[in-house]
Every structure is written in structure tokens, then in C-alpha cells.
Amino acid sequence: MKIVILTGLSGSGKSTALRVFEDLGFFCVDGLPVSLVPKLIGLFDEKGGQRYKGLALGMDVRQADLDRDWGATLAQIKVKDVGLQILFFEADTQEIIRRYATTRRPHPLESAAMGLEQAVLAERERMRPLRDAADMVLDTTDFSIHDLRRKLQEKWASIRPAKGTLKVHVMSFGFKYGPPSEADMVFDLRFLPNPYFDKELRERTGKDQPVRDYVLARDPGREFLTRLTEFLRYLLPLYAKEGRYRLTIAFGCTGGRHRSVAVAESVFDTLSKAGYSLSLEHRHIERG
């Protein structure tokens, strides 16, 4: 069983790191009282060990029992003989101050009697025992969110599935109802032959083989689909390598019933055979 404790200075990236581990398939808990950690590990070992890659726990200065119970809790965990790793996140004091100024959120130790810089320095001293016990200290001063994600993914690459990591949502829609705001890529298919003008195909949809053949069995649809497939096979691994977990690809035609549906169905089939984790949505198929 893999157990990772994520701790460190407020504003240094612990919350971002916890989301990375959640995406990697870990069961994540943030802010659990330190004294309850051994009990959670026992419960997880019984019920969650087969379902999740491991357990990731966020601990920081907000937990009132951190100073008092950290040493005893760590000893109890080590007795259980689990695969424990402690990650400590830190950053330069001025960088942490800059980040808090950007987000406009208060530091956990900040008060009327203690300004932001004093709070950061006090937390650094208070968290020293956890830093000393850490297996890995990450200084995120010069990291962007994406840099931090890549660093963690490289470290835990062995637990990432080789295929299916990037979740691709394939969508069809009609431009006359508006393009989807959540789409990462939008393809306008209104250059393809339109089955709407064929009386035998008008009431059918792009799910039906005659419509798919009308749109894609001959050029320009056939050539477009070939080039699109090559493009996606090249592009998607780059998104995955960059650390993306979700990507929405939207295909639009006039009404969202024929051309866009046919192409979305074909792309879905192709990417499924390539091993990607996929979902499919035809947003306007009933309205087109």
C-alpha cells in the first residue's frame, strides 16, 4: 500500500499537489486531524486498497494537533510497515508573500498581531520537524502549476497507466445553437456535404451508416477524416505528456444532427481502438 503525506508551507503548492495525486488515482484527504491518520490507514487498507493506487494525505499548519501529535503519529504509521513517503513543499518567503497578494487570501497564521511576512516565518519554524522527516523536499519558488504537476508525474510515473490517462470528451453540436464554451478544440464541419438536403437522409442522424457514408465515404470527408485522425494521433500524446488529464474536442455543423455527429462517432471509434479513456456527447442531435 502506498501512502504519501503532503505537507509544507502554506502557499507552496500542497493543494495543487494533492489534486495531482487525486488524478493519479489516489484516495486523497486534506485537513484530517493528525491523531486520526493511523485509523484512516487501517480503514483504507481494509476497504480501499484494491480500488485506489494509494492514499494521499494533506497536512499543514491549520491542523491544531500537528505539533503535539506528529511524532507519535509518524511512529504508529511506520510500525504498520506501509510504503510511506513524505513530501514537503516550500518556497522563498517573498514568493509566498507574492502568491498570497495575488490570491488575496489570508495566511492561516496571519492575524491582527501578526502580519503576512511574520506569519510565513513563524510557519516555517513550526513546520521544521515535518521538513526534517521528509523523504523529498520540493522548492516551488520558480515552479508554475504545470511545472509542479510534471515534476510529480515524473516521480510517480510508475503508477500512471500507460494508456487511458488522458480523458477525451468528444462532442457534436450545432452552430445555430452556439458552440460549447467548455471545448478545448472546435472544428467547423460546415464545409462537408450536408445530408439535410437529401430527402432520404434528412430525418436520420450521423449515427446512421447511410449518413456517415454520405459525409465521410468520399472526398472531401474521407480525406479530412484521414488527416484529422493523423493530427489527433500526433497531438493527444503531447497533451498527455504536458500533464493534461481532460480534453474536450467539439465538432460542429449547422444543426448538430448530421455532419458533426458522423465525424464525432468516427473519431470516438478511432480513439477507442487507440486505448484512450473516452466519453461521447451529441449535444444538439434532437434539435438539429
Protein backbone atom coordinates (compact mmCIF):
# COMPACT_ATOMS: atom_id res chain seq x y z
CA MET A 1 0.00 0.00 0.00
CA LYS A 2 1.37 3.40 -0.99
CA ILE A 3 0.84 6.25 1.46
CA VAL A 4 2.01 9.76 0.64
CA ILE A 5 1.90 12.58 3.15
CA LEU A 6 1.87 16.01 1.50
CA THR A 7 2.86 18.82 3.81
CA GLY A 8 4.77 22.07 3.79
CA LEU A 9 4.37 25.82 3.86
CA SER A 10 1.06 27.44 3.04
CA GLY A 11 1.16 28.81 -0.49
CA SER A 12 3.91 26.46 -1.66
CA GLY A 13 1.74 24.15 -3.77
CA LYS A 14 0.46 21.40 -1.45
CA SER A 15 -3.17 21.75 -2.55
CA THR A 16 -2.16 21.60 -6.21
CA ALA A 17 -0.07 18.51 -5.50
CA LEU A 18 -2.99 16.84 -3.76
CA ARG A 19 -5.12 17.32 -6.89
CA VAL A 20 -2.35 15.74 -8.96
CA PHE A 21 -2.40 12.64 -6.75
CA GLU A 22 -6.19 12.53 -7.00
CA ASP A 23 -5.86 12.48 -10.79
CA LEU A 24 -3.26 9.73 -10.48
CA GLY A 25 -5.83 7.51 -8.78
CA PHE A 26 -5.04 8.10 -5.11
CA PHE A 27 -7.68 8.47 -2.42
CA CYS A 28 -7.00 11.96 -1.07
CA VAL A 29 -7.86 13.52 2.28
CA ASP A 30 -6.90 17.05 3.29
CA GLY A 31 -7.04 18.52 6.77
CA LEU A 32 -7.62 15.29 8.70
CA PRO A 33 -6.60 15.61 12.38
CA VAL A 34 -3.16 14.07 12.75
CA SER A 35 -4.27 11.76 15.53
CA LEU A 36 -6.84 10.12 13.21
CA VAL A 37 -4.36 9.27 10.46
CA PRO A 38 -3.44 5.76 11.74
CA LYS A 39 -7.15 4.86 11.98
CA LEU A 40 -7.77 6.06 8.42
CA ILE A 41 -4.84 3.99 7.16
CA GLY A 42 -6.32 0.92 8.84
CA LEU A 43 -9.71 1.50 7.24
CA PHE A 44 -8.18 2.20 3.85
CA ASP A 45 -6.12 -0.98 4.00
CA GLU A 46 -9.29 -2.99 4.50
CA LYS A 47 -11.64 -1.31 2.01
CA GLY A 48 -9.77 0.94 -0.40
CA GLY A 49 -6.52 -0.84 -1.14
CA GLN A 50 -7.83 -2.62 -4.24
CA ARG A 51 -9.71 0.33 -5.70
CA TYR A 52 -7.11 3.10 -5.42
CA LYS A 53 -3.43 3.44 -6.27
CA GLY A 54 -2.75 4.59 -2.73
CA LEU A 55 -3.60 7.09 -0.03
CA ALA A 56 -2.52 10.75 -0.14
CA LEU A 57 -2.90 12.87 2.99
CA GLY A 58 -2.59 16.64 3.20
CA MET A 59 -1.23 18.02 6.47
CA ASP A 60 -0.47 21.63 7.27
CA VAL A 61 -0.36 24.23 9.98
CA ARG A 62 -4.17 24.53 10.08
CA GLN A 63 -4.36 21.25 12.00
CA ALA A 64 -4.26 22.18 15.67
CA ASP A 65 -2.80 18.87 16.81
CA LEU A 66 0.07 18.90 14.31
CA ASP A 67 2.76 19.99 16.75
CA ARG A 68 1.55 17.78 19.58
CA ASP A 69 0.84 14.53 17.74
CA TRP A 70 3.09 14.49 14.68
CA GLY A 71 5.93 12.45 16.22
CA ALA A 72 3.68 9.81 17.76
CA THR A 73 1.57 9.53 14.61
CA LEU A 74 4.62 9.05 12.40
CA ALA A 75 5.86 6.29 14.70
CA GLN A 76 2.50 4.50 14.50
CA ILE A 77 2.47 4.68 10.71
CA LYS A 78 5.98 3.25 10.42
CA VAL A 79 5.03 0.33 12.64
CA LYS A 80 2.37 -0.64 10.08
CA ASP A 81 5.12 -1.36 7.55
CA VAL A 82 3.46 0.52 4.67
CA GLY A 83 5.08 2.25 1.71
CA LEU A 84 5.22 5.71 3.33
CA GLN A 85 6.70 8.77 1.66
CA ILE A 86 6.60 12.31 2.99
CA LEU A 87 6.74 15.25 0.59
CA PHE A 88 7.47 18.70 1.95
CA PHE A 89 6.67 21.74 -0.18
CA GLU A 90 8.34 25.09 0.40
CA ALA A 91 9.14 28.30 -1.42
CA ASP A 92 11.05 31.51 -0.87
CA THR A 93 9.36 33.80 1.66
CA GLN A 94 8.96 36.66 -0.80
CA GLU A 95 7.44 34.32 -3.39
CA ILE A 96 4.89 33.05 -0.86
CA ILE A 97 4.04 36.66 0.03
CA ARG A 98 3.58 37.42 -3.68
CA ARG A 99 1.28 34.44 -4.13
CA TYR A 100 -0.88 35.46 -1.19
CA ALA A 101 -1.04 39.01 -2.50
CA THR A 102 -2.20 37.62 -5.86
CA THR A 103 -4.91 35.36 -4.43
CA ARG A 104 -5.92 37.89 -1.72
CA ARG A 105 -6.46 35.06 0.75
CA PRO A 106 -5.27 35.31 4.37
CA HIS A 107 -2.41 33.16 5.61
CA PRO A 108 -3.56 30.62 8.26
CA LEU A 109 -1.34 32.24 10.94
CA GLU A 110 -1.98 35.84 9.90
CA SER A 111 -3.80 37.96 12.50
CA ALA A 112 -4.13 41.47 13.81
CA ALA A 113 -1.00 40.88 15.83
CA MET A 114 0.97 39.11 13.08
CA GLY A 115 1.48 40.34 9.56
CA LEU A 116 1.89 38.17 6.46
CA GLU A 117 5.70 38.05 6.45
CA GLN A 118 5.82 37.25 10.16
CA ALA A 119 3.21 34.53 9.64
CA VAL A 120 5.28 32.90 6.88
CA LEU A 121 8.41 32.93 9.03
CA ALA A 122 6.53 31.54 12.04
CA GLU A 123 5.06 28.74 9.95
CA ARG A 124 8.49 27.88 8.56
CA GLU A 125 9.81 27.38 12.06
CA ARG A 126 6.76 25.45 13.22
CA MET A 127 6.92 23.07 10.26
CA ARG A 128 10.63 22.30 10.67
CA PRO A 129 10.09 18.83 12.27
CA LEU A 130 7.99 17.76 9.29
CA ARG A 131 10.61 19.06 6.88
CA ASP A 132 13.33 17.16 8.72
CA ALA A 133 11.30 13.93 8.42
CA ALA A 134 10.52 14.39 4.71
CA ASP A 135 11.75 11.96 2.07
CA MET A 136 11.59 14.67 -0.56
CA VAL A 137 11.65 18.48 -0.26
CA LEU A 138 10.31 20.41 -3.23
CA ASP A 139 11.17 24.09 -3.54
CA THR A 140 8.46 25.53 -5.79
CA THR A 141 9.75 29.11 -5.87
CA ASP A 142 10.34 29.00 -9.62
CA PHE A 143 7.60 26.48 -10.42
CA SER A 144 4.42 27.17 -12.30
CA ILE A 145 1.43 24.94 -11.56
CA HIS A 146 2.30 22.96 -14.69
CA ASP A 147 5.94 22.58 -13.63
CA LEU A 148 4.83 21.13 -10.30
CA ARG A 149 2.41 18.74 -11.99
CA ARG A 150 5.12 17.47 -14.34
CA LYS A 151 7.60 17.03 -11.50
CA LEU A 152 5.19 14.88 -9.52
CA GLN A 153 4.17 12.88 -12.56
CA GLU A 154 7.80 12.13 -13.36
CA LYS A 155 8.44 11.00 -9.80
CA TRP A 156 5.38 8.72 -9.73
CA ALA A 157 5.45 7.70 -13.39
CA SER A 158 5.39 4.01 -12.47
CA ILE A 159 1.87 4.26 -11.05
CA ARG A 160 0.39 6.09 -14.06
CA PRO A 161 -1.43 3.85 -16.51
CA ALA A 162 0.32 3.68 -19.86
CA LYS A 163 -2.96 4.17 -21.71
CA GLY A 164 -6.16 5.95 -20.93
CA THR A 165 -4.57 8.60 -18.71
CA LEU A 166 -5.84 11.44 -20.88
CA LYS A 167 -9.63 11.58 -20.68
CA VAL A 168 -11.02 12.79 -24.01
CA HIS A 169 -14.58 14.07 -24.29
CA VAL A 170 -15.80 14.02 -27.89
CA MET A 171 -18.77 16.25 -28.62
CA SER A 172 -21.01 17.19 -31.55
CA PHE A 173 -23.04 20.41 -31.63
CA GLY A 174 -24.93 22.79 -33.89
CA PHE A 175 -23.53 26.26 -34.57
CA LYS A 176 -27.02 27.75 -34.75
CA TYR A 177 -27.41 26.87 -31.05
CA GLY A 178 -23.97 28.16 -30.11
CA PRO A 179 -20.56 26.48 -29.69
CA PRO A 180 -19.80 24.84 -26.31
CA SER A 181 -17.84 27.12 -24.01
CA GLU A 182 -16.02 24.18 -22.36
CA ALA A 183 -14.45 22.92 -25.60
CA ASP A 184 -10.65 22.95 -25.85
CA MET A 185 -10.76 22.47 -29.62
CA VAL A 186 -13.60 23.29 -32.02
CA PHE A 187 -13.79 22.01 -35.60
CA ASP A 188 -16.19 23.66 -38.03
CA LEU A 189 -17.52 20.96 -40.37
CA ARG A 190 -19.82 23.11 -42.46
CA PHE A 191 -17.56 22.59 -45.48
CA LEU A 192 -18.62 18.91 -45.70
CA PRO A 193 -21.55 17.75 -47.88
CA ASN A 194 -24.81 18.22 -45.98
CA PRO A 195 -27.21 15.23 -45.76
CA TYR A 196 -30.01 17.64 -44.81
CA PHE A 197 -30.59 18.35 -48.50
CA ASP A 198 -31.12 14.67 -49.26
CA LYS A 199 -34.78 13.86 -48.52
CA GLU A 200 -33.97 10.23 -47.68
CA LEU A 201 -31.34 11.25 -45.11
CA ARG A 202 -32.87 14.41 -43.64
CA GLU A 203 -34.69 12.66 -40.79
CA ARG A 204 -31.76 10.40 -39.97
CA THR A 205 -28.71 11.30 -37.88
CA GLY A 206 -24.97 10.91 -38.11
CA LYS A 207 -25.28 7.72 -36.09
CA ASP A 208 -26.85 6.00 -39.09
CA GLN A 209 -24.44 4.37 -41.54
CA PRO A 210 -26.02 5.90 -44.69
CA VAL A 211 -25.47 9.37 -43.27
CA ARG A 212 -21.90 8.57 -42.22
CA ASP A 213 -21.20 7.24 -45.70
CA TYR A 214 -22.71 10.36 -47.29
CA VAL A 215 -20.43 12.58 -45.21
CA LEU A 216 -17.23 10.54 -44.96
CA ALA A 217 -17.09 7.82 -47.63
CA ARG A 218 -15.87 10.18 -50.34
CA ASP A 219 -13.83 13.37 -50.54
CA PRO A 220 -13.62 15.86 -49.03
CA GLY A 221 -14.95 13.98 -45.99
CA ARG A 222 -12.74 10.94 -46.49
CA GLU A 223 -9.53 12.98 -46.86
CA PHE A 224 -10.48 15.24 -43.96
CA LEU A 225 -11.07 12.26 -41.66
CA THR A 226 -7.70 10.75 -42.60
CA ARG A 227 -5.84 13.97 -41.88
CA LEU A 228 -7.83 14.61 -38.71
CA THR A 229 -7.00 11.15 -37.38
CA GLU A 230 -3.29 11.66 -38.08
CA PHE A 231 -3.44 15.06 -36.38
CA LEU A 232 -5.12 13.71 -33.24
CA ARG A 233 -2.76 10.74 -33.02
CA TYR A 234 0.11 13.24 -33.05
CA LEU A 235 -1.48 15.81 -30.76
CA LEU A 236 -3.07 13.82 -27.92
CA PRO A 237 0.17 12.25 -26.64
CA LEU A 238 1.63 15.76 -26.42
CA TYR A 239 -1.29 16.89 -24.25
CA ALA A 240 -0.82 13.82 -22.06
CA LYS A 241 2.91 14.46 -21.77
CA GLU A 242 2.21 18.05 -20.73
CA GLY A 243 0.12 16.73 -17.84
CA ARG A 244 -3.38 17.29 -19.17
CA TYR A 245 -6.00 14.87 -17.86
CA ARG A 246 -9.10 16.10 -19.67
CA LEU A 247 -9.55 17.38 -23.19
CA THR A 248 -12.82 18.28 -24.91
CA ILE A 249 -12.92 18.12 -28.72
CA ALA A 250 -16.06 19.58 -30.28
CA PHE A 251 -17.27 19.10 -33.86
CA GLY A 252 -19.89 21.50 -35.17
CA CYS A 253 -22.15 21.70 -38.18
CA THR A 254 -25.21 23.85 -38.79
CA GLY A 255 -27.79 21.94 -36.75
CA GLY A 256 -25.68 19.37 -34.91
CA ARG A 257 -27.58 16.39 -36.34
CA HIS A 258 -25.72 15.00 -39.35
CA ARG A 259 -22.13 16.01 -40.18
CA SER A 260 -20.90 16.75 -36.69
CA VAL A 261 -22.45 13.57 -35.30
CA ALA A 262 -20.94 11.43 -38.07
CA VAL A 263 -17.44 12.80 -37.50
CA ALA A 264 -17.73 12.62 -33.69
CA GLU A 265 -18.83 8.98 -33.90
CA SER A 266 -15.93 8.13 -36.21
CA VAL A 267 -13.36 9.91 -34.03
CA PHE A 268 -14.76 8.20 -30.95
CA ASP A 269 -14.37 4.79 -32.60
CA THR A 270 -10.80 5.53 -33.71
CA LEU A 271 -9.62 6.83 -30.34
CA SER A 272 -11.31 3.94 -28.52
CA LYS A 273 -9.21 1.49 -30.53
CA ALA A 274 -6.12 3.53 -29.63
CA GLY A 275 -6.79 2.93 -25.92
CA TYR A 276 -7.90 6.38 -24.77
CA SER A 277 -10.41 6.93 -22.00
CA LEU A 278 -13.37 8.49 -23.80
CA SER A 279 -16.83 9.92 -23.41
CA LEU A 280 -19.20 10.97 -26.19
CA GLU A 281 -21.92 13.61 -26.24
CA HIS A 282 -24.27 14.70 -29.04
CA ARG A 283 -25.47 17.99 -27.61
CA HIS A 284 -27.97 19.10 -30.26
CA ILE A 285 -28.81 15.91 -32.12
CA GLU A 286 -32.51 16.13 -31.19
CA ARG A 287 -32.74 19.82 -32.03
CA GLY A 288 -30.94 19.76 -35.39
